[in-house]
Amino acid sequence: SKQWYQRRVRGPGCIGDLLLHRTDMIAMDLAVSSQRSSYIDFTFSFMDSGISLLVKGESGTSNNFFFLSPFDHYTWVAIVFSIILIAIIQTIFSKLSPFGLYGH
């Protein structure tokens, strides 16, 4: 049973990161089971909420553009290009439309 639990939590996720020592602490709403309590130290819950918090260990480098990390470089270029293209098309339609600001 312990081997099954070890294989199950090795993937990505909060508990897997905690067991692989990639993080120091997890604050989240999690049911306490006998299998989990043999690997994880639980505290007593004082409030029941759906909010989870993951605290990552300190890293040697800091990235000021961490908010760009959900997408790769090409995706951000495509997003910026799409915004510019839509703005140009909207401006052209606004100038040509009789109902727009610059209509005849």
Foldseek 3Di string as FASTA:
>chain_A
DLVVVLVVLCDDDQVNCCQVVQFPDKAADDDDDPSVVVRDPDDDDDDDDGDIDTGGDDDPDDDPVVVPPVDDPVVVVVVVVVVVVVVVVVVVCLCDDCPHPNHD
